[in-house]
Amino acid sequence: MTVVTDHAWWLASRAAGIVALLAITASVGLGLWASIRARRRPGMAVAMRGAHEHLALVGLISIGLHGVTLLGDPYLRPGVDGIAVPFALDYRTVWVAAGIVGGYLAALLGLSFYARKRLGAKRWRTAHRFAILAYVLSVTHTLGAGTDASTAWMRTLLLLTGAPILALFLLRITQPATPAPPPKAPRAPRPAPATPA
């Protein structure tokens, strides 16, 4: 029992990190799949927008918990700079920095959904393409800084989730874009009904 209480903060951070990785993976995968389907059937992405949005929010909350719970770790003692500033922590510095940058990128892109009208749909979609980079940085962080990186279960998990993401990404970038439909011709106004004299 002492081992669990001594490592409670680390265990909480580790669990939150795994949930964050899974949620971001699922959100990116669903986003890629929806964009591919939308090219074939415009309007299809709308049906999946809710799940994509909720998975992204779960991922962002979990990323926050992953960092904040590390503040209580009596062994690592990262301090606020260590969890918030890339290259500030003297522990697997590059790999931790990849996670911090990936977390900021995920937050920026995920929360930009709520400002897409202000940004403009085209600009927002262009920026949103960088979500795959947030995923790659999270996997890089997991492999380089994660304490489970060398375990068979984590490598299997990364392989099983990474292969579909790679396939969807390749399909997304190689599939030709669907041309925009031509604008509809304006309807002629209806004549006013005749009124009896």
N, C-alpha and C. Protein backbone atom coordinates (compact mmCIF):
# COMPACT_ATOMS: atom_id res chain seq x y z
N MET A 1 0.83 -1.20 0.00
CA MET A 1 0.00 0.00 0.00
C MET A 1 0.87 1.26 0.00
N THR A 2 2.01 1.19 0.66
CA THR A 2 2.90 2.35 0.72
C THR A 2 3.39 2.73 -0.67
N VAL A 3 3.67 1.72 -1.50
CA VAL A 3 4.16 1.99 -2.85
C VAL A 3 3.12 2.79 -3.63
N VAL A 4 1.84 2.43 -3.48
CA VAL A 4 0.77 3.13 -4.19
C VAL A 4 0.66 4.57 -3.72
N THR A 5 0.68 4.79 -2.38
CA THR A 5 0.56 6.16 -1.87
C THR A 5 1.79 6.99 -2.19
N ASP A 6 2.96 6.38 -2.19
CA ASP A 6 4.18 7.11 -2.54
C ASP A 6 4.16 7.56 -4.00
N HIS A 7 3.50 6.78 -4.85
CA HIS A 7 3.51 7.07 -6.28
C HIS A 7 2.15 7.54 -6.79
N ALA A 8 1.27 7.97 -5.88
CA ALA A 8 -0.10 8.31 -6.28
C ALA A 8 -0.15 9.40 -7.35
N TRP A 9 0.64 10.45 -7.18
CA TRP A 9 0.64 11.55 -8.15
C TRP A 9 1.15 11.07 -9.51
N TRP A 10 2.20 10.28 -9.48
CA TRP A 10 2.77 9.76 -10.72
C TRP A 10 1.76 8.83 -11.41
N LEU A 11 1.11 7.98 -10.62
CA LEU A 11 0.11 7.06 -11.19
C LEU A 11 -1.06 7.83 -11.80
N ALA A 12 -1.49 8.89 -11.12
CA ALA A 12 -2.59 9.72 -11.64
C ALA A 12 -2.17 10.39 -12.95
N SER A 13 -0.94 10.90 -12.99
CA SER A 13 -0.45 11.55 -14.20
C SER A 13 -0.32 10.55 -15.34
N ARG A 14 0.18 9.39 -15.02
CA ARG A 14 0.34 8.33 -16.02
C ARG A 14 -1.01 7.93 -16.60
N ALA A 15 -2.02 7.75 -15.73
CA ALA A 15 -3.36 7.38 -16.20
C ALA A 15 -3.95 8.48 -17.07
N ALA A 16 -3.80 9.73 -16.65
CA ALA A 16 -4.34 10.86 -17.42
C ALA A 16 -3.63 10.95 -18.77
N GLY A 17 -2.33 10.68 -18.79
CA GLY A 17 -1.58 10.71 -20.05
C GLY A 17 -2.06 9.65 -21.03
N ILE A 18 -2.35 8.46 -20.52
CA ILE A 18 -2.84 7.38 -21.38
C ILE A 18 -4.22 7.72 -21.93
N VAL A 19 -5.09 8.26 -21.07
CA VAL A 19 -6.42 8.67 -21.53
C VAL A 19 -6.29 9.78 -22.57
N ALA A 20 -5.39 10.73 -22.33
CA ALA A 20 -5.17 11.82 -23.29
C ALA A 20 -4.72 11.27 -24.65
N LEU A 21 -3.78 10.36 -24.62
CA LEU A 21 -3.28 9.76 -25.85
C LEU A 21 -4.40 9.06 -26.61
N LEU A 22 -5.20 8.28 -25.91
CA LEU A 22 -6.30 7.55 -26.56
C LEU A 22 -7.36 8.50 -27.11
N ALA A 23 -7.70 9.54 -26.34
CA ALA A 23 -8.74 10.48 -26.80
C ALA A 23 -8.26 11.29 -28.00
N ILE A 24 -7.01 11.76 -27.95
CA ILE A 24 -6.47 12.53 -29.08
C ILE A 24 -6.37 11.64 -30.32
N THR A 25 -5.94 10.39 -30.12
CA THR A 25 -5.85 9.45 -31.24
C THR A 25 -7.23 9.24 -31.86
N ALA A 26 -8.22 8.99 -31.02
CA ALA A 26 -9.58 8.76 -31.53
C ALA A 26 -10.13 10.01 -32.21
N SER A 27 -9.88 11.18 -31.64
CA SER A 27 -10.37 12.41 -32.23
C SER A 27 -9.72 12.69 -33.59
N VAL A 28 -8.41 12.52 -33.67
CA VAL A 28 -7.71 12.73 -34.94
C VAL A 28 -8.17 11.70 -35.98
N GLY A 29 -8.30 10.44 -35.56
CA GLY A 29 -8.77 9.40 -36.47
C GLY A 29 -10.16 9.68 -36.99
N LEU A 30 -11.06 10.08 -36.09
CA LEU A 30 -12.42 10.39 -36.51
C LEU A 30 -12.45 11.61 -37.42
N GLY A 31 -11.61 12.60 -37.10
CA GLY A 31 -11.53 13.79 -37.95
C GLY A 31 -11.04 13.46 -39.35
N LEU A 32 -10.02 12.61 -39.44
CA LEU A 32 -9.52 12.20 -40.76
C LEU A 32 -10.58 11.43 -41.53
N TRP A 33 -11.24 10.49 -40.85
CA TRP A 33 -12.25 9.68 -41.50
C TRP A 33 -13.42 10.55 -41.97
N ALA A 34 -13.83 11.49 -41.12
CA ALA A 34 -14.95 12.38 -41.48
C ALA A 34 -14.59 13.24 -42.68
N SER A 35 -13.34 13.72 -42.73
CA SER A 35 -12.95 14.56 -43.87
C SER A 35 -12.90 13.74 -45.17
N ILE A 36 -12.51 12.49 -45.07
CA ILE A 36 -12.50 11.63 -46.26
C ILE A 36 -13.94 11.35 -46.71
N ARG A 37 -14.80 11.03 -45.76
CA ARG A 37 -16.21 10.75 -46.10
C ARG A 37 -16.88 12.01 -46.65
N ALA A 38 -16.52 13.17 -46.09
CA ALA A 38 -17.15 14.42 -46.55
C ALA A 38 -16.77 14.71 -47.99
N ARG A 39 -15.60 14.26 -48.42
CA ARG A 39 -15.20 14.48 -49.82
C ARG A 39 -16.07 13.64 -50.75
N ARG A 40 -16.50 12.51 -50.24
CA ARG A 40 -17.35 11.64 -51.07
C ARG A 40 -18.81 12.02 -50.95
N ARG A 41 -19.21 12.37 -49.75
CA ARG A 41 -20.60 12.75 -49.49
C ARG A 41 -20.60 14.05 -48.68
N PRO A 42 -20.70 15.19 -49.32
CA PRO A 42 -20.73 16.45 -48.57
C PRO A 42 -21.85 16.41 -47.53
N GLY A 43 -21.56 16.88 -46.36
CA GLY A 43 -22.53 16.87 -45.27
C GLY A 43 -22.35 15.71 -44.31
N MET A 44 -21.55 14.72 -44.69
CA MET A 44 -21.35 13.55 -43.84
C MET A 44 -20.59 13.92 -42.55
N ALA A 45 -19.67 14.86 -42.65
CA ALA A 45 -18.86 15.24 -41.49
C ALA A 45 -19.71 15.81 -40.38
N VAL A 46 -20.82 16.42 -40.73
CA VAL A 46 -21.70 17.02 -39.72
C VAL A 46 -22.20 15.96 -38.75
N ALA A 47 -22.47 14.77 -39.26
CA ALA A 47 -22.99 13.69 -38.42
C ALA A 47 -21.98 13.25 -37.36
N MET A 48 -20.69 13.42 -37.64
CA MET A 48 -19.66 12.96 -36.70
C MET A 48 -19.03 14.10 -35.90
N ARG A 49 -19.45 15.32 -36.15
CA ARG A 49 -18.83 16.48 -35.51
C ARG A 49 -18.92 16.42 -33.99
N GLY A 50 -20.07 15.98 -33.46
CA GLY A 50 -20.25 15.93 -32.01
C GLY A 50 -19.27 14.98 -31.33
N ALA A 51 -19.14 13.77 -31.88
CA ALA A 51 -18.21 12.80 -31.29
C ALA A 51 -16.77 13.30 -31.39
N HIS A 52 -16.42 13.87 -32.53
CA HIS A 52 -15.07 14.41 -32.74
C HIS A 52 -14.78 15.51 -31.72
N GLU A 53 -15.73 16.41 -31.52
CA GLU A 53 -15.58 17.52 -30.58
C GLU A 53 -15.43 17.01 -29.15
N HIS A 54 -16.27 16.06 -28.75
CA HIS A 54 -16.22 15.55 -27.38
C HIS A 54 -14.92 14.79 -27.10
N LEU A 55 -14.47 14.02 -28.06
CA LEU A 55 -13.20 13.31 -27.89
C LEU A 55 -12.04 14.30 -27.74
N ALA A 56 -12.07 15.37 -28.53
CA ALA A 56 -11.03 16.39 -28.42
C ALA A 56 -11.05 17.04 -27.04
N LEU A 57 -12.24 17.33 -26.52
CA LEU A 57 -12.34 17.94 -25.18
C LEU A 57 -11.85 17.00 -24.09
N VAL A 58 -12.20 15.72 -24.20
CA VAL A 58 -11.69 14.73 -23.24
C VAL A 58 -10.17 14.69 -23.30
N GLY A 59 -9.62 14.73 -24.51
CA GLY A 59 -8.17 14.74 -24.68
C GLY A 59 -7.53 15.96 -24.04
N LEU A 60 -8.13 17.14 -24.24
CA LEU A 60 -7.57 18.37 -23.69
C LEU A 60 -7.63 18.38 -22.16
N ILE A 61 -8.73 17.95 -21.60
CA ILE A 61 -8.84 17.89 -20.14
C ILE A 61 -7.82 16.90 -19.58
N SER A 62 -7.66 15.78 -20.24
CA SER A 62 -6.70 14.76 -19.79
C SER A 62 -5.26 15.25 -19.91
N ILE A 63 -4.97 16.02 -20.95
CA ILE A 63 -3.62 16.60 -21.08
C ILE A 63 -3.36 17.53 -19.90
N GLY A 64 -4.35 18.36 -19.58
CA GLY A 64 -4.21 19.25 -18.43
C GLY A 64 -3.98 18.49 -17.13
N LEU A 65 -4.77 17.43 -16.92
CA LEU A 65 -4.61 16.61 -15.71
C LEU A 65 -3.25 15.91 -15.69
N HIS A 66 -2.80 15.48 -16.85
CA HIS A 66 -1.49 14.81 -16.95
C HIS A 66 -0.38 15.73 -16.45
N GLY A 67 -0.43 16.98 -16.84
CA GLY A 67 0.59 17.93 -16.39
C GLY A 67 0.41 18.35 -14.95
N VAL A 68 -0.80 18.71 -14.56
CA VAL A 68 -1.06 19.24 -13.22
C VAL A 68 -0.77 18.20 -12.14
N THR A 69 -1.14 16.95 -12.37
CA THR A 69 -0.90 15.93 -11.34
C THR A 69 0.59 15.65 -11.15
N LEU A 70 1.39 15.96 -12.16
CA LEU A 70 2.84 15.80 -11.99
C LEU A 70 3.41 16.78 -10.97
N LEU A 71 2.72 17.88 -10.75
CA LEU A 71 3.19 18.87 -9.77
C LEU A 71 3.29 18.27 -8.37
N GLY A 72 2.46 17.27 -8.10
CA GLY A 72 2.50 16.63 -6.78
C GLY A 72 3.50 15.50 -6.66
N ASP A 73 4.14 15.12 -7.75
CA ASP A 73 5.09 14.00 -7.73
C ASP A 73 6.32 14.38 -6.91
N PRO A 74 6.54 13.68 -5.77
CA PRO A 74 7.67 14.05 -4.90
C PRO A 74 9.04 13.67 -5.47
N TYR A 75 9.07 12.84 -6.49
CA TYR A 75 10.35 12.41 -7.07
C TYR A 75 10.77 13.30 -8.24
N LEU A 76 9.84 13.58 -9.15
CA LEU A 76 10.16 14.39 -10.32
C LEU A 76 10.25 15.88 -9.99
N ARG A 77 9.30 16.37 -9.19
CA ARG A 77 9.23 17.78 -8.80
C ARG A 77 9.46 18.72 -9.99
N PRO A 78 8.58 18.70 -10.97
CA PRO A 78 8.83 19.49 -12.17
C PRO A 78 8.63 20.99 -12.00
N GLY A 79 7.79 21.39 -11.08
CA GLY A 79 7.44 22.81 -10.95
C GLY A 79 6.58 23.23 -12.14
N VAL A 80 6.01 24.42 -12.03
CA VAL A 80 5.12 24.91 -13.09
C VAL A 80 5.89 25.07 -14.40
N ASP A 81 7.12 25.57 -14.34
CA ASP A 81 7.92 25.71 -15.56
C ASP A 81 8.14 24.36 -16.24
N GLY A 82 8.37 23.33 -15.45
CA GLY A 82 8.65 22.00 -16.00
C GLY A 82 7.50 21.40 -16.76
N ILE A 83 6.26 21.78 -16.39
CA ILE A 83 5.10 21.22 -17.11
C ILE A 83 4.55 22.19 -18.15
N ALA A 84 5.00 23.45 -18.12
CA ALA A 84 4.41 24.45 -19.01
C ALA A 84 5.39 25.04 -20.03
N VAL A 85 6.69 24.95 -19.77
CA VAL A 85 7.68 25.58 -20.65
C VAL A 85 8.53 24.50 -21.31
N PRO A 86 8.50 24.42 -22.63
CA PRO A 86 9.34 23.42 -23.32
C PRO A 86 10.81 23.60 -22.98
N PHE A 87 11.50 22.50 -22.78
CA PHE A 87 12.95 22.44 -22.49
C PHE A 87 13.33 22.96 -21.10
N ALA A 88 12.36 23.24 -20.24
CA ALA A 88 12.69 23.74 -18.90
C ALA A 88 12.98 22.61 -17.92
N LEU A 89 12.41 21.43 -18.14
CA LEU A 89 12.57 20.31 -17.22
C LEU A 89 13.82 19.51 -17.57
N ASP A 90 14.59 19.20 -16.56
CA ASP A 90 15.84 18.45 -16.78
C ASP A 90 15.60 16.95 -16.65
N TYR A 91 14.60 16.46 -17.37
CA TYR A 91 14.28 15.04 -17.40
C TYR A 91 13.80 14.73 -18.81
N ARG A 92 14.57 13.92 -19.54
CA ARG A 92 14.20 13.58 -20.91
C ARG A 92 13.68 14.82 -21.64
N THR A 93 14.49 15.83 -21.63
CA THR A 93 14.11 17.20 -22.01
C THR A 93 13.43 17.31 -23.36
N VAL A 94 14.00 16.72 -24.38
CA VAL A 94 13.43 16.84 -25.73
C VAL A 94 12.06 16.16 -25.80
N TRP A 95 11.95 15.00 -25.16
CA TRP A 95 10.71 14.23 -25.22
C TRP A 95 9.60 14.91 -24.42
N VAL A 96 9.96 15.49 -23.29
CA VAL A 96 8.97 16.24 -22.50
C VAL A 96 8.55 17.48 -23.27
N ALA A 97 9.52 18.16 -23.89
CA ALA A 97 9.19 19.35 -24.68
C ALA A 97 8.24 19.00 -25.82
N ALA A 98 8.42 17.84 -26.45
CA ALA A 98 7.51 17.41 -27.52
C ALA A 98 6.09 17.30 -26.99
N GLY A 99 5.94 16.77 -25.77
CA GLY A 99 4.62 16.66 -25.17
C GLY A 99 4.01 18.01 -24.85
N ILE A 100 4.82 18.93 -24.35
CA ILE A 100 4.32 20.26 -24.02
C ILE A 100 3.87 21.00 -25.28
N VAL A 101 4.72 20.98 -26.31
CA VAL A 101 4.36 21.64 -27.57
C VAL A 101 3.13 20.98 -28.18
N GLY A 102 3.08 19.64 -28.14
CA GLY A 102 1.91 18.93 -28.65
C GLY A 102 0.65 19.29 -27.89
N GLY A 103 0.77 19.45 -26.57
CA GLY A 103 -0.39 19.84 -25.75
C GLY A 103 -0.89 21.22 -26.11
N TYR A 104 0.04 22.17 -26.28
CA TYR A 104 -0.36 23.52 -26.69
C TYR A 104 -1.01 23.51 -28.08
N LEU A 105 -0.43 22.75 -28.98
CA LEU A 105 -0.97 22.68 -30.34
C LEU A 105 -2.37 22.06 -30.33
N ALA A 106 -2.54 20.99 -29.54
CA ALA A 106 -3.87 20.35 -29.43
C ALA A 106 -4.88 21.33 -28.86
N ALA A 107 -4.48 22.10 -27.84
CA ALA A 107 -5.39 23.07 -27.22
C ALA A 107 -5.75 24.17 -28.22
N LEU A 108 -4.75 24.68 -28.90
CA LEU A 108 -4.98 25.76 -29.87
C LEU A 108 -5.92 25.31 -30.99
N LEU A 109 -5.65 24.14 -31.55
CA LEU A 109 -6.48 23.66 -32.65
C LEU A 109 -7.85 23.20 -32.18
N GLY A 110 -7.88 22.53 -31.01
CA GLY A 110 -9.16 22.04 -30.50
C GLY A 110 -10.10 23.18 -30.12
N LEU A 111 -9.56 24.18 -29.44
CA LEU A 111 -10.41 25.29 -29.00
C LEU A 111 -10.73 26.27 -30.13
N SER A 112 -9.95 26.21 -31.21
CA SER A 112 -10.25 27.09 -32.36
C SER A 112 -11.59 26.73 -33.00
N PHE A 113 -12.08 25.53 -32.72
CA PHE A 113 -13.40 25.11 -33.22
C PHE A 113 -14.47 26.13 -32.82
N TYR A 114 -14.33 26.68 -31.61
CA TYR A 114 -15.33 27.61 -31.10
C TYR A 114 -15.15 29.02 -31.66
N ALA A 115 -14.07 29.25 -32.40
CA ALA A 115 -13.84 30.56 -33.02
C ALA A 115 -13.82 30.45 -34.54
N ARG A 116 -14.30 29.33 -35.08
CA ARG A 116 -14.17 29.11 -36.53
C ARG A 116 -14.94 30.12 -37.35
N LYS A 117 -16.05 30.64 -36.83
CA LYS A 117 -16.81 31.64 -37.58
C LYS A 117 -16.00 32.93 -37.69
N ARG A 118 -15.32 33.27 -36.61
CA ARG A 118 -14.49 34.47 -36.62
C ARG A 118 -13.27 34.30 -37.51
N LEU A 119 -12.68 33.10 -37.47
CA LEU A 119 -11.49 32.83 -38.27
C LEU A 119 -11.81 32.68 -39.74
N GLY A 120 -13.01 32.25 -40.03
CA GLY A 120 -13.39 31.94 -41.41
C GLY A 120 -13.20 30.45 -41.64
N ALA A 121 -14.16 29.83 -42.29
CA ALA A 121 -14.15 28.37 -42.45
C ALA A 121 -12.91 27.87 -43.17
N LYS A 122 -12.50 28.57 -44.23
CA LYS A 122 -11.35 28.11 -45.00
C LYS A 122 -10.06 28.20 -44.18
N ARG A 123 -9.86 29.31 -43.49
CA ARG A 123 -8.65 29.49 -42.67
C ARG A 123 -8.65 28.48 -41.52
N TRP A 124 -9.81 28.24 -40.92
CA TRP A 124 -9.90 27.29 -39.81
C TRP A 124 -9.57 25.87 -40.30
N ARG A 125 -10.11 25.47 -41.44
CA ARG A 125 -9.83 24.13 -41.98
C ARG A 125 -8.35 23.97 -42.29
N THR A 126 -7.74 25.02 -42.85
CA THR A 126 -6.30 24.96 -43.16
C THR A 126 -5.49 24.76 -41.89
N ALA A 127 -5.81 25.52 -40.85
CA ALA A 127 -5.09 25.39 -39.56
C ALA A 127 -5.34 24.02 -38.94
N HIS A 128 -6.56 23.52 -39.09
CA HIS A 128 -6.95 22.26 -38.46
C HIS A 128 -6.19 21.06 -39.02
N ARG A 129 -5.60 21.23 -40.19
CA ARG A 129 -4.82 20.14 -40.77
C ARG A 129 -3.59 19.82 -39.93
N PHE A 130 -3.18 20.74 -39.07
CA PHE A 130 -2.01 20.51 -38.21
C PHE A 130 -2.35 19.63 -36.99
N ALA A 131 -3.59 19.19 -36.88
CA ALA A 131 -3.98 18.30 -35.76
C ALA A 131 -3.16 17.01 -35.81
N ILE A 132 -2.80 16.56 -36.99
CA ILE A 132 -1.99 15.35 -37.11
C ILE A 132 -0.64 15.55 -36.43
N LEU A 133 -0.12 16.78 -36.45
CA LEU A 133 1.15 17.08 -35.80
C LEU A 133 1.02 16.96 -34.28
N ALA A 134 -0.10 17.38 -33.73
CA ALA A 134 -0.34 17.22 -32.28
C ALA A 134 -0.33 15.74 -31.92
N TYR A 135 -0.93 14.92 -32.78
CA TYR A 135 -0.93 13.47 -32.56
C TYR A 135 0.50 12.91 -32.61
N VAL A 136 1.27 13.30 -33.62
CA VAL A 136 2.65 12.81 -33.76
C VAL A 136 3.49 13.23 -32.56
N LEU A 137 3.32 14.45 -32.09
CA LEU A 137 4.07 14.92 -30.92
C LEU A 137 3.67 14.15 -29.66
N SER A 138 2.39 13.79 -29.55
CA SER A 138 1.97 13.03 -28.37
C SER A 138 2.56 11.62 -28.38
N VAL A 139 2.62 11.01 -29.56
CA VAL A 139 3.23 9.68 -29.66
C VAL A 139 4.73 9.76 -29.38
N THR A 140 5.38 10.80 -29.91
CA THR A 140 6.80 11.02 -29.67
C THR A 140 7.07 11.19 -28.17
N HIS A 141 6.24 11.97 -27.52
CA HIS A 141 6.35 12.18 -26.07
C HIS A 141 6.18 10.86 -25.32
N THR A 142 5.20 10.08 -25.72
CA THR A 142 4.95 8.79 -25.07
C THR A 142 6.14 7.86 -25.21
N LEU A 143 6.70 7.79 -26.40
CA LEU A 143 7.82 6.89 -26.64
C LEU A 143 9.10 7.35 -25.94
N GLY A 144 9.31 8.66 -25.87
CA GLY A 144 10.55 9.17 -25.31
C GLY A 144 10.53 9.45 -23.82
N ALA A 145 9.38 9.89 -23.31
CA ALA A 145 9.31 10.27 -21.89
C ALA A 145 8.44 9.34 -21.07
N GLY A 146 7.59 8.57 -21.71
CA GLY A 146 6.67 7.70 -20.98
C GLY A 146 7.38 6.53 -20.32
N THR A 147 7.00 6.27 -19.08
CA THR A 147 7.64 5.16 -18.35
C THR A 147 7.16 3.80 -18.85
N ASP A 148 6.08 3.80 -19.62
CA ASP A 148 5.56 2.54 -20.16
C ASP A 148 6.02 2.30 -21.60
N ALA A 149 6.84 3.19 -22.13
CA ALA A 149 7.21 3.13 -23.55
C ALA A 149 7.84 1.82 -23.97
N SER A 150 8.57 1.19 -23.07
CA SER A 150 9.27 -0.05 -23.45
C SER A 150 8.44 -1.31 -23.19
N THR A 151 7.24 -1.14 -22.64
CA THR A 151 6.42 -2.32 -22.35
C THR A 151 5.73 -2.82 -23.61
N ALA A 152 5.47 -4.11 -23.64
CA ALA A 152 4.82 -4.72 -24.81
C ALA A 152 3.41 -4.18 -25.01
N TRP A 153 2.68 -3.96 -23.91
CA TRP A 153 1.30 -3.51 -24.06
C TRP A 153 1.23 -2.10 -24.65
N MET A 154 2.17 -1.21 -24.25
CA MET A 154 2.14 0.15 -24.79
C MET A 154 2.57 0.16 -26.26
N ARG A 155 3.57 -0.62 -26.59
CA ARG A 155 4.00 -0.68 -28.00
C ARG A 155 2.89 -1.26 -28.88
N THR A 156 2.20 -2.28 -28.35
CA THR A 156 1.08 -2.88 -29.09
C THR A 156 -0.03 -1.85 -29.27
N LEU A 157 -0.34 -1.12 -28.20
CA LEU A 157 -1.38 -0.09 -28.26
C LEU A 157 -1.03 0.98 -29.30
N LEU A 158 0.22 1.44 -29.28
CA LEU A 158 0.65 2.46 -30.24
C LEU A 158 0.60 1.94 -31.68
N LEU A 159 0.95 0.69 -31.85
CA LEU A 159 0.90 0.09 -33.19
C LEU A 159 -0.54 -0.07 -33.67
N LEU A 160 -1.41 -0.57 -32.80
CA LEU A 160 -2.81 -0.81 -33.18
C LEU A 160 -3.57 0.49 -33.44
N THR A 161 -3.19 1.56 -32.75
CA THR A 161 -3.87 2.84 -32.98
C THR A 161 -3.17 3.67 -34.05
N GLY A 162 -1.86 3.51 -34.17
CA GLY A 162 -1.10 4.30 -35.13
C GLY A 162 -1.29 3.86 -36.57
N ALA A 163 -1.44 2.55 -36.79
CA ALA A 163 -1.59 2.04 -38.16
C ALA A 163 -2.84 2.62 -38.84
N PRO A 164 -4.01 2.63 -38.18
CA PRO A 164 -5.17 3.23 -38.83
C PRO A 164 -5.01 4.74 -39.07
N ILE A 165 -4.36 5.44 -38.13
CA ILE A 165 -4.15 6.88 -38.31
C ILE A 165 -3.27 7.12 -39.54
N LEU A 166 -2.21 6.35 -39.68
CA LEU A 166 -1.32 6.49 -40.83
C LEU A 166 -2.07 6.19 -42.13
N ALA A 167 -2.85 5.12 -42.13
CA ALA A 167 -3.62 4.76 -43.34
C ALA A 167 -4.62 5.86 -43.71
N LEU A 168 -5.34 6.38 -42.70
CA LEU A 168 -6.31 7.44 -42.96
C LEU A 168 -5.62 8.71 -43.44
N PHE A 169 -4.47 9.03 -42.84
CA PHE A 169 -3.74 10.23 -43.25
C PHE A 169 -3.27 10.11 -44.70
N LEU A 170 -2.72 8.96 -45.05
CA LEU A 170 -2.26 8.76 -46.43
C LEU A 170 -3.43 8.81 -47.42
N LEU A 171 -4.55 8.22 -47.03
CA LEU A 171 -5.74 8.27 -47.89
C LEU A 171 -6.24 9.70 -48.03
N ARG A 172 -6.19 10.44 -46.94
CA ARG A 172 -6.66 11.84 -46.95
C ARG A 172 -5.82 12.72 -47.86
N ILE A 173 -4.49 12.54 -47.82
CA ILE A 173 -3.64 13.43 -48.62
C ILE A 173 -3.52 12.99 -50.08
N THR A 174 -3.88 11.73 -50.37
CA THR A 174 -3.79 11.26 -51.76
C THR A 174 -5.12 11.30 -52.49
N GLN A 175 -6.21 11.45 -51.74
CA GLN A 175 -7.53 11.46 -52.37
C GLN A 175 -7.79 12.82 -53.00
N PRO A 176 -8.23 12.85 -54.26
CA PRO A 176 -8.51 14.15 -54.88
C PRO A 176 -9.68 14.84 -54.18
N ALA A 177 -9.57 16.14 -54.11
CA ALA A 177 -10.64 16.92 -53.47
C ALA A 177 -11.88 16.91 -54.34
N THR A 178 -13.03 16.89 -53.70
CA THR A 178 -14.28 16.97 -54.42
C THR A 178 -14.51 18.43 -54.81
N PRO A 179 -14.77 18.69 -56.09
CA PRO A 179 -14.99 20.08 -56.47
C PRO A 179 -16.23 20.64 -55.80
N ALA A 180 -16.18 21.92 -55.51
CA ALA A 180 -17.34 22.56 -54.89
C ALA A 180 -18.50 22.55 -55.87
N PRO A 181 -19.72 22.32 -55.36
CA PRO A 181 -20.87 22.30 -56.27
C PRO A 181 -21.09 23.70 -56.85
N PRO A 182 -21.59 23.76 -58.09
CA PRO A 182 -21.84 25.08 -58.68
C PRO A 182 -22.92 25.80 -57.89
N PRO A 183 -22.86 27.13 -57.85
CA PRO A 183 -23.90 27.86 -57.11
C PRO A 183 -25.25 27.66 -57.76
N LYS A 184 -26.26 27.60 -56.92
CA LYS A 184 -27.62 27.41 -57.43
C LYS A 184 -28.09 28.71 -58.07
N ALA A 185 -28.82 28.53 -59.16
CA ALA A 185 -29.41 29.70 -59.82
C ALA A 185 -30.51 30.26 -58.94
N PRO A 186 -30.60 31.58 -58.84
CA PRO A 186 -31.67 32.14 -58.01
C PRO A 186 -33.03 31.82 -58.59
N ARG A 187 -33.95 31.57 -57.71
CA ARG A 187 -35.31 31.26 -58.16
C ARG A 187 -36.01 32.54 -58.60
N ALA A 188 -36.83 32.37 -59.62
CA ALA A 188 -37.63 33.51 -60.07
C ALA A 188 -38.70 33.76 -59.03
N PRO A 189 -38.98 35.01 -58.74
CA PRO A 189 -40.02 35.29 -57.74
C PRO A 189 -41.37 34.80 -58.22
N ARG A 190 -42.15 34.32 -57.29
CA ARG A 190 -43.49 33.85 -57.61
C ARG A 190 -44.39 35.06 -57.86
N PRO A 191 -45.24 34.94 -58.84
CA PRO A 191 -46.17 36.06 -59.06
C PRO A 191 -47.16 36.16 -57.90
N ALA A 192 -47.50 37.37 -57.60
CA ALA A 192 -48.47 37.58 -56.51
C ALA A 192 -49.83 37.02 -56.95
N PRO A 193 -50.55 36.41 -56.02
CA PRO A 193 -51.87 35.88 -56.41
C PRO A 193 -52.80 37.01 -56.84
N ALA A 194 -53.61 36.69 -57.83
CA ALA A 194 -54.55 37.71 -58.33
C ALA A 194 -55.60 37.98 -57.29
N THR A 195 -55.91 39.23 -57.12
CA THR A 195 -56.94 39.61 -56.15
C THR A 195 -58.22 39.91 -56.92
N PRO A 196 -59.32 39.45 -56.40
CA PRO A 196 -60.58 39.72 -57.09
C PRO A 196 -60.90 41.22 -57.11
N ALA A 197 -61.46 41.70 -58.24
CA ALA A 197 -61.77 43.12 -58.38
C ALA A 197 -63.10 43.46 -57.75
